[in-house]
Amino acid sequence: MYDLTIELCADSDKCLYEQIYDYIKAEIRDGKLLAGERLPSTRSLAEYLQVARSTVEYAYEQLLSEGYIESRPYRGYFVCAMEELFRMEEPGKPYVREQESPDQARPGEVWEYNFSPHEIDMSGFPFGVWKKITKNILTYGNSDLFARGEAQGDYDLRETISRYLHSSRGVNCRPEQIIVGAGNDYLLMLLEKILGRHVRIAMENPTYIRTYRIFQSFAYDIVTVDMDESGMRPDRLTEENVRAAYVMPSHQFPMGTVMPIGRRMELLKWASGAPDRYLIEDDYDSEFRYYGKPIPALLASDKQGKVIYIGTFSKAIAPAIRISFMVLPRPLLERYRAECSFYSCTVSRIDQRILNEFIRDGYFERHLNKMRKIYRAKQELLLRCLEPFQREYTISGENTGLHLILTAKGDVTEAELLERAGREGVKVYGLSESMVEESNRKATVLIGFGGLTREQIAEGMVRLQRVWL
């Protein structure tokens, strides 16, 4: 129950009780007051609006008589449930609440099988462990936990992250270089304050389109660089005279390319060619590698302080865990402290403490090992289901990540593939959604497997086989 902010006009042709009546009726008809919602008492509303109680009572009585509200003994006044309302000013035309657009509808409500490359499997999430850590922190935590924390994030968490990066990604960094934030979007916005506006930056094409749009909002001068089999081409960076390059060397999205060490060294050499050049490393999906040895991060090979590293726990743990981190090279760290350290950390200190204990006590490592086995089994199933497709399609991206890439060998278009899949209740994702500029590539689709069960993967692929082969 909330107070009703009703603007009463003493000079109106309508008396005060009619104005109150009209306002509440309109709120109910427009769906702003919902069925079952409790209205303020006549005394409370009268005091809030500074009118006589009888004025509010007259308005409520009129609403009662017309069936808009009901009175429940000893409880107050409540909005009635009405299956269908009719506007008085449009006789015969039923009131219909606006529906959400198809883009806003949840995939599960539209598609029987949604092969999203962004979904993860939450069935393996250690709810019991997370609950136990949370309970212990709230039970035994001290009052300091509810005070304002450090701008870069709590030191204990940053120290734990630095140790995790050393053991899993080969990175040597100090906790002082790490900034914790609520998601990559925030960290990129903070980076814009550090690097400045109107930076000329290179991005791969195709790329992670969300980051591209964020850079657009910074008024960055974005140059797209086509990829070869090793990833972004360093020679193009020199030709385009860019100041920064955004790369995903461990698992390029959406193509799934793993950048070899030779290409990484070429990029580092380019960045070292001028004082204010930087590489922004988005370590996308680096945790889920299924074949071969783990590949160190690009930052692990950086000896000149040229790599800005961005990582997140959203994909490895859960999307709701909006905790990401950025590792700044020392020259930019000094700039951050001079110009941006007044920005408060955007992650709750309680969430930081929970994550810190989750990683520190070994739960995160065990969770990752468990999820790698789950995802590898799903990927192997998907690859088996794709065997009949190999004659007409090329399959790639199987080394790491949560999706595979299917490229048609024939003349079928991407739109045709998506339309045929949709007729079968199957959602797949076209590569064009990640393209910044048009390309003459063959029709290519992304098939994710993270958020589907093994049964859903098998059945969905049976349906695709019916319409794609």
Protein backbone atom coordinates (compact mmCIF):
# COMPACT_ATOMS: atom_id res chain seq x y z
CA MET A 1 0.00 0.00 0.00
CA TYR A 2 1.30 3.42 -0.96
CA ASP A 3 0.00 6.96 -0.62
CA LEU A 4 -1.69 8.23 -3.78
CA THR A 5 -0.05 11.35 -5.22
CA ILE A 6 -3.19 13.15 -6.43
CA GLU A 7 -2.89 16.73 -7.62
CA LEU A 8 -6.07 18.44 -6.46
CA CYS A 9 -7.11 21.69 -8.09
CA ALA A 10 -9.27 24.09 -6.08
CA ASP A 11 -10.24 26.01 -9.24
CA SER A 12 -11.48 22.93 -11.09
CA ASP A 13 -15.10 22.57 -12.17
CA LYS A 14 -15.09 19.23 -10.35
CA CYS A 15 -15.34 19.07 -6.59
CA LEU A 16 -12.51 17.50 -4.61
CA TYR A 17 -14.13 14.10 -4.08
CA GLU A 18 -14.76 13.78 -7.84
CA GLN A 19 -11.10 14.51 -8.57
CA ILE A 20 -10.06 11.78 -6.15
CA TYR A 21 -12.62 9.40 -7.67
CA ASP A 22 -11.49 10.13 -11.25
CA TYR A 23 -7.82 9.65 -10.38
CA ILE A 24 -8.25 6.28 -8.67
CA LYS A 25 -10.59 5.00 -11.40
CA ALA A 26 -8.08 5.95 -14.10
CA GLU A 27 -5.24 4.27 -12.18
CA ILE A 28 -7.26 1.05 -11.96
CA ARG A 29 -8.30 1.11 -15.61
CA ASP A 30 -4.72 1.80 -16.76
CA GLY A 31 -3.42 -1.11 -14.73
CA LYS A 32 -1.34 1.09 -12.41
CA LEU A 33 -3.38 -0.09 -9.42
CA LEU A 34 -3.50 -3.88 -9.61
CA ALA A 35 -6.24 -6.30 -8.60
CA GLY A 36 -5.98 -7.08 -4.89
CA GLU A 37 -3.86 -4.01 -4.14
CA ARG A 38 -4.78 -2.26 -0.92
CA LEU A 39 -5.75 1.42 -1.00
CA PRO A 40 -4.81 3.89 1.75
CA SER A 41 -7.36 4.21 4.53
CA THR A 42 -9.73 7.16 4.29
CA ARG A 43 -8.05 8.75 7.32
CA SER A 44 -4.52 8.26 5.94
CA LEU A 45 -5.37 9.59 2.47
CA ALA A 46 -7.28 12.55 3.90
CA GLU A 47 -4.29 13.53 6.05
CA TYR A 48 -1.90 13.09 3.12
CA LEU A 49 -4.03 15.21 0.75
CA GLN A 50 -4.97 17.73 3.47
CA VAL A 51 -8.71 17.35 2.86
CA ALA A 52 -11.66 16.39 5.04
CA ARG A 53 -12.03 12.66 5.68
CA SER A 54 -15.60 12.80 4.40
CA THR A 55 -14.24 13.96 0.99
CA VAL A 56 -12.24 10.75 0.63
CA GLU A 57 -15.16 8.67 1.94
CA TYR A 58 -17.46 10.07 -0.79
CA ALA A 59 -14.91 9.14 -3.47
CA TYR A 60 -14.49 5.61 -2.08
CA GLU A 61 -18.26 5.09 -1.85
CA GLN A 62 -18.66 5.98 -5.53
CA LEU A 63 -15.87 3.55 -6.48
CA LEU A 64 -17.51 0.88 -4.31
CA SER A 65 -20.89 1.36 -5.97
CA GLU A 66 -19.37 1.00 -9.44
CA GLY A 67 -17.40 -2.13 -8.50
CA TYR A 68 -13.90 -0.72 -8.88
CA ILE A 69 -12.98 -1.41 -5.26
CA GLU A 70 -14.29 -3.57 -2.45
CA SER A 71 -14.36 -3.15 1.32
CA ARG A 72 -13.08 -5.98 3.51
CA PRO A 73 -14.14 -5.79 7.18
CA TYR A 74 -11.31 -4.78 9.53
CA ARG A 75 -8.84 -4.78 6.65
CA GLY A 76 -9.64 -1.82 4.41
CA TYR A 77 -10.31 -1.12 0.73
CA PHE A 78 -8.92 -3.24 -2.12
CA VAL A 79 -8.92 -3.02 -5.93
CA CYS A 80 -11.38 -5.48 -7.50
CA ALA A 81 -10.36 -8.02 -10.12
CA MET A 82 -12.04 -7.31 -13.44
CA GLU A 83 -11.64 -9.58 -16.44
CA GLU A 84 -12.54 -6.89 -18.96
CA LEU A 85 -12.91 -3.12 -18.69
CA PHE A 86 -14.58 -0.77 -21.14
CA ARG A 87 -13.56 2.84 -21.68
CA MET A 88 -16.48 5.20 -21.16
CA GLU A 89 -15.17 7.56 -23.84
CA GLU A 90 -15.02 4.75 -26.43
CA PRO A 91 -18.29 2.81 -26.17
CA GLY A 92 -18.05 -0.81 -27.22
CA LYS A 93 -14.26 -0.83 -27.36
CA PRO A 94 -12.75 -3.12 -24.72
CA TYR A 95 -9.76 -1.98 -22.75
CA VAL A 96 -6.77 -4.14 -23.58
CA ARG A 97 -3.50 -3.90 -21.69
CA GLU A 98 -0.52 -3.45 -24.00
CA GLN A 99 1.37 -6.66 -24.59
CA GLU A 100 5.13 -6.97 -24.44
CA SER A 101 6.86 -6.99 -27.78
CA PRO A 102 8.20 -10.35 -29.00
CA ASP A 103 11.73 -9.12 -28.26
CA GLN A 104 10.79 -8.71 -24.60
CA ALA A 105 9.23 -12.14 -24.26
CA ARG A 106 11.31 -14.76 -22.54
CA PRO A 107 12.79 -17.33 -24.93
CA GLY A 108 11.11 -20.20 -23.10
CA GLU A 109 7.68 -18.70 -23.84
CA VAL A 110 8.31 -18.61 -27.59
CA TRP A 111 10.82 -21.33 -28.43
CA GLU A 112 10.68 -24.96 -27.40
CA TYR A 113 14.43 -25.27 -27.90
CA ASN A 114 16.55 -22.15 -27.48
CA PHE A 115 20.16 -22.81 -28.48
CA SER A 116 21.39 -19.56 -26.96
CA PRO A 117 25.16 -19.05 -26.84
CA HIS A 118 24.76 -16.89 -23.73
CA GLU A 119 22.79 -19.19 -21.39
CA ILE A 120 24.44 -21.34 -18.74
CA ASP A 121 23.40 -24.47 -16.81
CA MET A 122 22.20 -23.48 -13.34
CA SER A 123 21.43 -27.06 -12.28
CA GLY A 124 25.02 -27.44 -11.07
CA PHE A 125 25.08 -24.27 -8.99
CA PRO A 126 26.08 -25.04 -5.37
CA PHE A 127 23.09 -23.39 -3.72
CA GLY A 128 23.78 -25.09 -0.40
CA VAL A 129 27.35 -23.82 -0.22
CA TRP A 130 26.36 -20.31 -1.28
CA LYS A 131 23.59 -20.26 1.33
CA LYS A 132 25.93 -21.52 4.07
CA ILE A 133 28.56 -18.87 3.31
CA THR A 134 25.92 -16.14 3.22
CA LYS A 135 24.39 -17.27 6.50
CA ASN A 136 27.76 -17.41 8.25
CA ILE A 137 28.72 -13.94 7.03
CA LEU A 138 25.44 -12.38 8.13
CA THR A 139 25.50 -14.24 11.45
CA TYR A 140 29.10 -13.62 12.44
CA GLY A 141 30.01 -10.61 10.32
CA ASN A 142 30.87 -7.37 12.12
CA SER A 143 29.33 -3.95 11.59
CA ASP A 144 32.27 -2.85 9.42
CA LEU A 145 30.79 -4.96 6.65
CA PHE A 146 27.93 -2.45 6.35
CA ALA A 147 30.19 0.58 6.14
CA ARG A 148 31.40 2.15 2.91
CA GLY A 149 34.18 0.08 1.39
CA GLU A 150 37.20 0.86 -0.75
CA ALA A 151 36.58 2.39 -4.16
CA GLN A 152 38.46 -0.40 -5.95
CA GLY A 153 36.67 -3.13 -4.00
CA ASP A 154 37.58 -4.81 -0.73
CA TYR A 155 41.27 -5.60 -0.52
CA ASP A 156 40.69 -9.21 0.59
CA LEU A 157 38.68 -9.96 -2.56
CA ARG A 158 41.21 -8.24 -4.81
CA GLU A 159 44.00 -10.26 -3.23
CA THR A 160 42.03 -13.47 -3.78
CA ILE A 161 41.39 -12.51 -7.42
CA SER A 162 45.10 -11.81 -7.97
CA ARG A 163 45.98 -15.25 -6.60
CA TYR A 164 43.28 -16.86 -8.77
CA LEU A 165 44.60 -15.09 -11.88
CA HIS A 166 48.12 -16.27 -11.13
CA SER A 167 47.13 -19.92 -10.71
CA SER A 168 44.56 -20.17 -13.52
CA ARG A 169 45.61 -17.58 -16.12
CA GLY A 170 49.36 -17.19 -15.54
CA VAL A 171 48.93 -13.52 -14.61
CA ASN A 172 51.19 -11.74 -12.13
CA CYS A 173 49.48 -8.65 -10.77
CA ARG A 174 49.10 -6.90 -7.46
CA PRO A 175 45.75 -6.41 -5.67
CA GLU A 176 46.37 -2.66 -6.02
CA GLN A 177 46.00 -2.98 -9.81
CA ILE A 178 42.53 -4.58 -9.60
CA ILE A 179 39.22 -2.70 -9.70
CA VAL A 180 36.02 -4.57 -8.83
CA GLY A 181 32.74 -3.51 -10.44
CA ALA A 182 29.18 -4.66 -11.06
CA GLY A 183 29.55 -6.11 -14.55
CA ASN A 184 31.76 -5.40 -17.54
CA ASP A 185 29.54 -2.52 -18.65
CA TYR A 186 30.45 -0.48 -15.55
CA LEU A 187 34.15 -1.26 -15.90
CA LEU A 188 34.14 -0.17 -19.55
CA MET A 189 32.43 3.09 -18.56
CA LEU A 190 35.09 3.60 -15.90
CA LEU A 191 37.78 2.85 -18.47
CA GLU A 192 36.35 5.58 -20.68
CA LYS A 193 37.01 8.05 -17.87
CA ILE A 194 40.61 6.80 -17.66
CA LEU A 195 41.43 6.70 -21.39
CA GLY A 196 39.32 9.73 -22.25
CA ARG A 197 36.71 10.35 -24.94
CA HIS A 198 37.07 10.19 -28.73
CA VAL A 199 39.64 7.39 -28.56
CA ARG A 200 40.32 5.71 -31.91
CA ILE A 201 39.86 2.02 -31.14
CA ALA A 202 39.94 -1.18 -33.21
CA MET A 203 37.52 -4.08 -32.82
CA GLU A 204 37.30 -7.41 -34.58
CA ASN A 205 34.51 -8.01 -37.08
CA PRO A 206 32.42 -9.91 -36.06
CA THR A 207 32.62 -9.01 -32.38
CA TYR A 208 30.72 -8.87 -29.11
CA ILE A 209 28.15 -6.35 -30.24
CA ARG A 210 27.21 -5.15 -26.75
CA THR A 211 30.73 -3.83 -26.20
CA TYR A 212 30.66 -2.21 -29.63
CA ARG A 213 27.52 -0.28 -28.65
CA ILE A 214 29.06 0.77 -25.36
CA PHE A 215 32.09 2.15 -27.19
CA GLN A 216 29.75 3.94 -29.59
CA SER A 217 28.11 5.66 -26.61
CA PHE A 218 31.55 6.97 -25.61
CA ALA A 219 31.87 8.68 -29.00
CA TYR A 220 34.86 6.43 -29.71
CA ASP A 221 36.12 6.38 -33.28
CA ILE A 222 35.67 2.63 -33.90
CA VAL A 223 37.62 0.88 -36.65
CA THR A 224 36.60 -2.67 -37.55
CA VAL A 225 39.34 -5.13 -38.43
CA ASP A 226 38.55 -8.36 -40.23
CA MET A 227 39.98 -11.52 -38.70
CA ASP A 228 42.09 -14.25 -40.22
CA GLU A 229 42.50 -17.76 -38.78
CA SER A 230 44.65 -16.36 -35.93
CA GLY A 231 42.40 -13.45 -34.97
CA MET A 232 42.91 -9.69 -35.26
CA ARG A 233 45.57 -8.61 -37.77
CA PRO A 234 48.24 -6.32 -36.21
CA ASP A 235 49.24 -4.82 -39.57
CA ARG A 236 45.76 -3.31 -39.87
CA LEU A 237 46.20 -1.61 -36.49
CA THR A 238 49.23 0.26 -37.79
CA GLU A 239 47.47 1.17 -41.03
CA GLU A 240 44.43 2.53 -39.19
CA ASN A 241 46.53 4.49 -36.66
CA VAL A 242 44.43 3.38 -33.68
CA ARG A 243 45.28 4.02 -30.04
CA ALA A 244 43.65 0.92 -28.54
CA ALA A 245 42.43 -2.50 -29.65
CA TYR A 246 39.73 -4.61 -28.03
CA VAL A 247 40.51 -8.33 -28.31
CA MET A 248 39.28 -11.68 -26.96
CA PRO A 249 42.38 -13.87 -27.41
CA SER A 250 41.33 -16.83 -25.24
CA HIS A 251 37.98 -17.36 -26.97
CA GLN A 252 36.87 -14.81 -29.52
CA PHE A 253 33.12 -14.26 -29.54
CA PRO A 254 31.40 -15.24 -31.71
CA MET A 255 33.93 -17.09 -33.90
CA GLY A 256 35.54 -19.11 -31.11
CA THR A 257 39.08 -18.40 -32.36
CA VAL A 258 41.90 -19.09 -29.88
CA MET A 259 44.71 -16.66 -30.65
CA PRO A 260 48.12 -18.40 -30.98
CA ILE A 261 51.15 -17.13 -29.10
CA GLY A 262 52.77 -15.73 -32.26
CA ARG A 263 49.82 -13.41 -32.95
CA ARG A 264 49.70 -12.37 -29.32
CA MET A 265 53.33 -11.31 -29.43
CA GLU A 266 52.67 -9.33 -32.63
CA LEU A 267 49.87 -7.44 -30.87
CA LEU A 268 52.08 -6.73 -27.86
CA LYS A 269 54.82 -5.48 -30.18
CA TRP A 270 52.32 -3.12 -31.84
CA ALA A 271 51.14 -1.82 -28.46
CA SER A 272 54.75 -1.20 -27.38
CA GLY A 273 55.35 0.95 -30.45
CA ALA A 274 53.89 4.11 -28.89
CA PRO A 275 53.60 5.39 -25.29
CA ASP A 276 49.80 5.58 -25.10
CA ARG A 277 48.75 2.43 -26.98
CA TYR A 278 46.82 -0.29 -25.14
CA LEU A 279 45.22 -3.67 -25.69
CA ILE A 280 41.90 -4.28 -23.90
CA GLU A 281 41.74 -8.02 -23.21
CA ASP A 282 38.25 -9.40 -22.60
CA ASP A 283 38.95 -12.88 -21.22
CA TYR A 284 35.65 -14.23 -22.51
CA ASP A 285 34.77 -17.85 -21.60
CA SER A 286 38.37 -18.62 -20.70
CA GLU A 287 37.29 -21.05 -17.93
CA PHE A 288 35.64 -23.52 -20.29
CA ARG A 289 38.39 -25.10 -22.38
CA TYR A 290 37.85 -28.77 -23.29
CA TYR A 291 40.87 -29.80 -25.37
CA GLY A 292 44.60 -29.29 -24.85
CA LYS A 293 46.38 -27.43 -22.08
CA PRO A 294 45.03 -24.18 -20.58
CA ILE A 295 46.27 -21.13 -22.47
CA PRO A 296 47.60 -18.21 -20.38
CA ALA A 297 45.97 -14.82 -20.72
CA LEU A 298 47.47 -12.20 -23.01
CA LEU A 299 48.26 -10.20 -19.87
CA ALA A 300 50.58 -13.02 -18.76
CA SER A 301 52.92 -12.17 -21.66
CA ASP A 302 52.79 -8.41 -21.15
CA LYS A 303 56.11 -7.03 -19.88
CA GLN A 304 55.58 -3.40 -20.90
CA GLY A 305 52.30 -2.57 -19.11
CA LYS A 306 50.22 -2.47 -22.29
CA VAL A 307 47.29 -4.80 -21.48
CA ILE A 308 44.07 -3.81 -19.72
CA TYR A 309 42.49 -7.06 -18.55
CA ILE A 310 38.75 -7.49 -17.94
CA GLY A 311 37.21 -10.64 -16.43
CA THR A 312 33.90 -11.63 -14.90
CA PHE A 313 32.38 -14.30 -12.67
CA SER A 314 28.91 -14.04 -14.26
CA LYS A 315 29.45 -16.83 -16.79
CA ALA A 316 31.44 -19.15 -14.55
CA ILE A 317 29.12 -18.91 -11.51
CA ALA A 318 25.75 -17.30 -12.35
CA PRO A 319 24.49 -14.29 -14.35
CA ALA A 320 23.07 -12.73 -11.19
CA ILE A 321 26.56 -12.61 -9.66
CA ARG A 322 27.29 -9.21 -11.16
CA ILE A 323 30.92 -9.08 -10.14
CA SER A 324 33.58 -8.30 -12.71
CA PHE A 325 37.12 -6.99 -12.35
CA MET A 326 39.64 -4.98 -14.32
CA VAL A 327 43.43 -5.14 -14.04
CA LEU A 328 45.07 -1.84 -14.96
CA PRO A 329 48.71 -1.42 -16.03
CA ARG A 330 50.57 0.85 -13.62
CA PRO A 331 50.57 4.05 -15.78
CA LEU A 332 46.77 3.85 -16.07
CA LEU A 333 46.44 2.96 -12.40
CA GLU A 334 48.09 6.27 -11.54
CA ARG A 335 45.66 8.05 -13.87
CA TYR A 336 42.72 6.23 -12.25
CA ARG A 337 43.80 7.29 -8.76
CA ALA A 338 44.27 10.88 -9.84
CA GLU A 339 41.03 11.26 -11.78
CA CYS A 340 38.54 8.48 -10.93
CA SER A 341 39.16 7.16 -7.41
CA PHE A 342 36.19 9.16 -6.07
CA TYR A 343 33.79 6.72 -7.80
CA SER A 344 32.42 4.29 -5.21
CA CYS A 345 32.58 0.54 -5.77
CA THR A 346 29.31 -0.66 -7.31
CA VAL A 347 29.32 -4.12 -5.70
CA SER A 348 27.81 -4.75 -2.27
CA ARG A 349 30.45 -5.53 0.35
CA ILE A 350 28.38 -8.52 1.46
CA ASP A 351 28.46 -9.95 -2.07
CA GLN A 352 32.19 -9.29 -2.22
CA ARG A 353 32.73 -11.17 1.04
CA ILE A 354 30.61 -14.12 -0.14
CA LEU A 355 32.53 -14.39 -3.41
CA ASN A 356 35.85 -14.01 -1.63
CA GLU A 357 35.15 -16.97 0.67
CA PHE A 358 33.68 -18.99 -2.22
CA ILE A 359 36.95 -18.65 -4.15
CA ARG A 360 39.36 -18.68 -1.22
CA ASP A 361 37.99 -21.86 0.35
CA GLY A 362 38.18 -23.86 -2.89
CA TYR A 363 34.46 -24.00 -3.72
CA PHE A 364 34.90 -22.06 -6.96
CA GLU A 365 37.56 -24.42 -8.29
CA ARG A 366 35.41 -27.46 -7.49
CA HIS A 367 32.41 -25.78 -9.13
CA LEU A 368 34.41 -25.04 -12.29
CA ASN A 369 35.66 -28.61 -12.52
CA LYS A 370 32.10 -29.88 -12.18
CA MET A 371 30.74 -27.49 -14.81
CA ARG A 372 33.54 -28.31 -17.27
CA LYS A 373 32.50 -31.96 -17.13
CA ILE A 374 28.83 -31.06 -17.59
CA TYR A 375 29.50 -28.73 -20.52
CA ARG A 376 31.97 -31.10 -22.16
CA ALA A 377 29.39 -33.90 -22.06
CA LYS A 378 26.82 -31.58 -23.64
CA GLN A 379 29.26 -30.44 -26.30
CA GLU A 380 30.20 -34.02 -27.18
CA LEU A 381 26.51 -34.86 -27.53
CA LEU A 382 25.96 -31.85 -29.77
CA LEU A 383 28.95 -32.81 -31.93
CA ARG A 384 27.54 -36.32 -32.34
CA CYS A 385 24.18 -34.85 -33.32
CA LEU A 386 25.95 -32.68 -35.88
CA GLU A 387 27.72 -35.55 -37.64
CA PRO A 388 24.96 -35.89 -40.30
CA PHE A 389 25.43 -32.16 -41.06
CA GLN A 390 29.12 -32.42 -41.97
CA ARG A 391 28.50 -33.01 -45.66
CA GLU A 392 26.66 -29.70 -46.08
CA TYR A 393 28.11 -27.61 -43.23
CA THR A 394 31.47 -26.79 -41.65
CA ILE A 395 31.59 -27.10 -37.85
CA SER A 396 34.01 -25.00 -35.78
CA GLY A 397 34.57 -23.47 -32.35
CA GLU A 398 34.75 -26.76 -30.45
CA ASN A 399 37.91 -26.05 -28.44
CA THR A 400 36.32 -23.86 -25.81
CA GLY A 401 33.18 -21.95 -24.83
CA LEU A 402 29.48 -22.76 -24.75
CA HIS A 403 28.54 -22.71 -28.43
CA LEU A 404 29.51 -24.19 -31.78
CA ILE A 405 29.50 -22.52 -35.19
CA LEU A 406 27.82 -24.02 -38.23
CA THR A 407 28.68 -22.59 -41.65
CA ALA A 408 26.76 -23.68 -44.74
CA LYS A 409 28.77 -24.88 -47.74
CA GLY A 410 25.95 -24.26 -50.18
CA ASP A 411 23.97 -21.19 -51.24
CA VAL A 412 21.38 -21.22 -48.47
CA THR A 413 21.05 -17.87 -46.66
CA GLU A 414 21.22 -17.22 -42.94
CA ALA A 415 17.64 -15.91 -42.97
CA GLU A 416 16.43 -19.16 -44.55
CA LEU A 417 18.17 -21.25 -41.89
CA LEU A 418 16.66 -19.18 -39.07
CA GLU A 419 13.19 -19.28 -40.64
CA ARG A 420 13.25 -23.05 -41.13
CA ALA A 421 14.43 -23.59 -37.54
CA GLY A 422 11.72 -21.27 -36.24
CA ARG A 423 9.01 -23.32 -37.95
CA GLU A 424 10.18 -26.26 -35.83
CA GLY A 425 10.11 -24.24 -32.60
CA VAL A 426 13.92 -24.04 -32.52
CA LYS A 427 15.86 -20.82 -31.93
CA VAL A 428 19.40 -20.48 -33.26
CA TYR A 429 21.43 -17.29 -33.67
CA GLY A 430 22.76 -15.83 -36.90
CA LEU A 431 26.33 -14.57 -37.15
CA SER A 432 25.00 -11.35 -38.68
CA GLU A 433 23.82 -10.29 -35.21
CA SER A 434 27.50 -9.91 -34.28
CA MET A 435 28.63 -8.24 -37.50
CA VAL A 436 29.49 -4.55 -37.35
CA GLU A 437 29.90 -4.33 -41.12
CA GLU A 438 28.42 -6.42 -43.90
CA SER A 439 30.42 -9.43 -45.05
CA ASN A 440 30.30 -11.91 -47.90
CA ARG A 441 30.58 -14.87 -45.53
CA LYS A 442 28.59 -18.02 -46.12
CA ALA A 443 25.46 -18.43 -44.01
CA THR A 444 26.63 -19.02 -40.43
CA VAL A 445 24.72 -19.72 -37.24
CA LEU A 446 25.67 -20.10 -33.59
CA ILE A 447 24.34 -23.12 -31.70
CA GLY A 448 24.70 -22.81 -27.94
CA PHE A 449 24.35 -25.73 -25.55
CA GLY A 450 24.95 -24.31 -22.07
CA GLY A 451 21.36 -23.68 -21.03
CA LEU A 452 19.76 -26.84 -22.49
CA THR A 453 19.48 -30.33 -21.04
CA ARG A 454 20.95 -33.27 -22.94
CA GLU A 455 17.44 -34.38 -23.91
CA GLN A 456 16.60 -30.92 -25.25
CA ILE A 457 19.83 -30.81 -27.28
CA ALA A 458 19.09 -34.19 -28.88
CA GLU A 459 15.45 -33.40 -29.69
CA GLY A 460 16.25 -29.90 -30.97
CA MET A 461 18.90 -31.27 -33.32
CA VAL A 462 16.47 -33.89 -34.66
CA ARG A 463 14.16 -31.04 -35.60
CA LEU A 464 16.97 -29.06 -37.25
CA GLN A 465 18.00 -32.12 -39.20
CA ARG A 466 14.47 -32.32 -40.65
CA VAL A 467 14.61 -28.79 -42.06
CA TRP A 468 18.31 -28.17 -42.73
CA LEU A 469 19.29 -31.35 -44.55
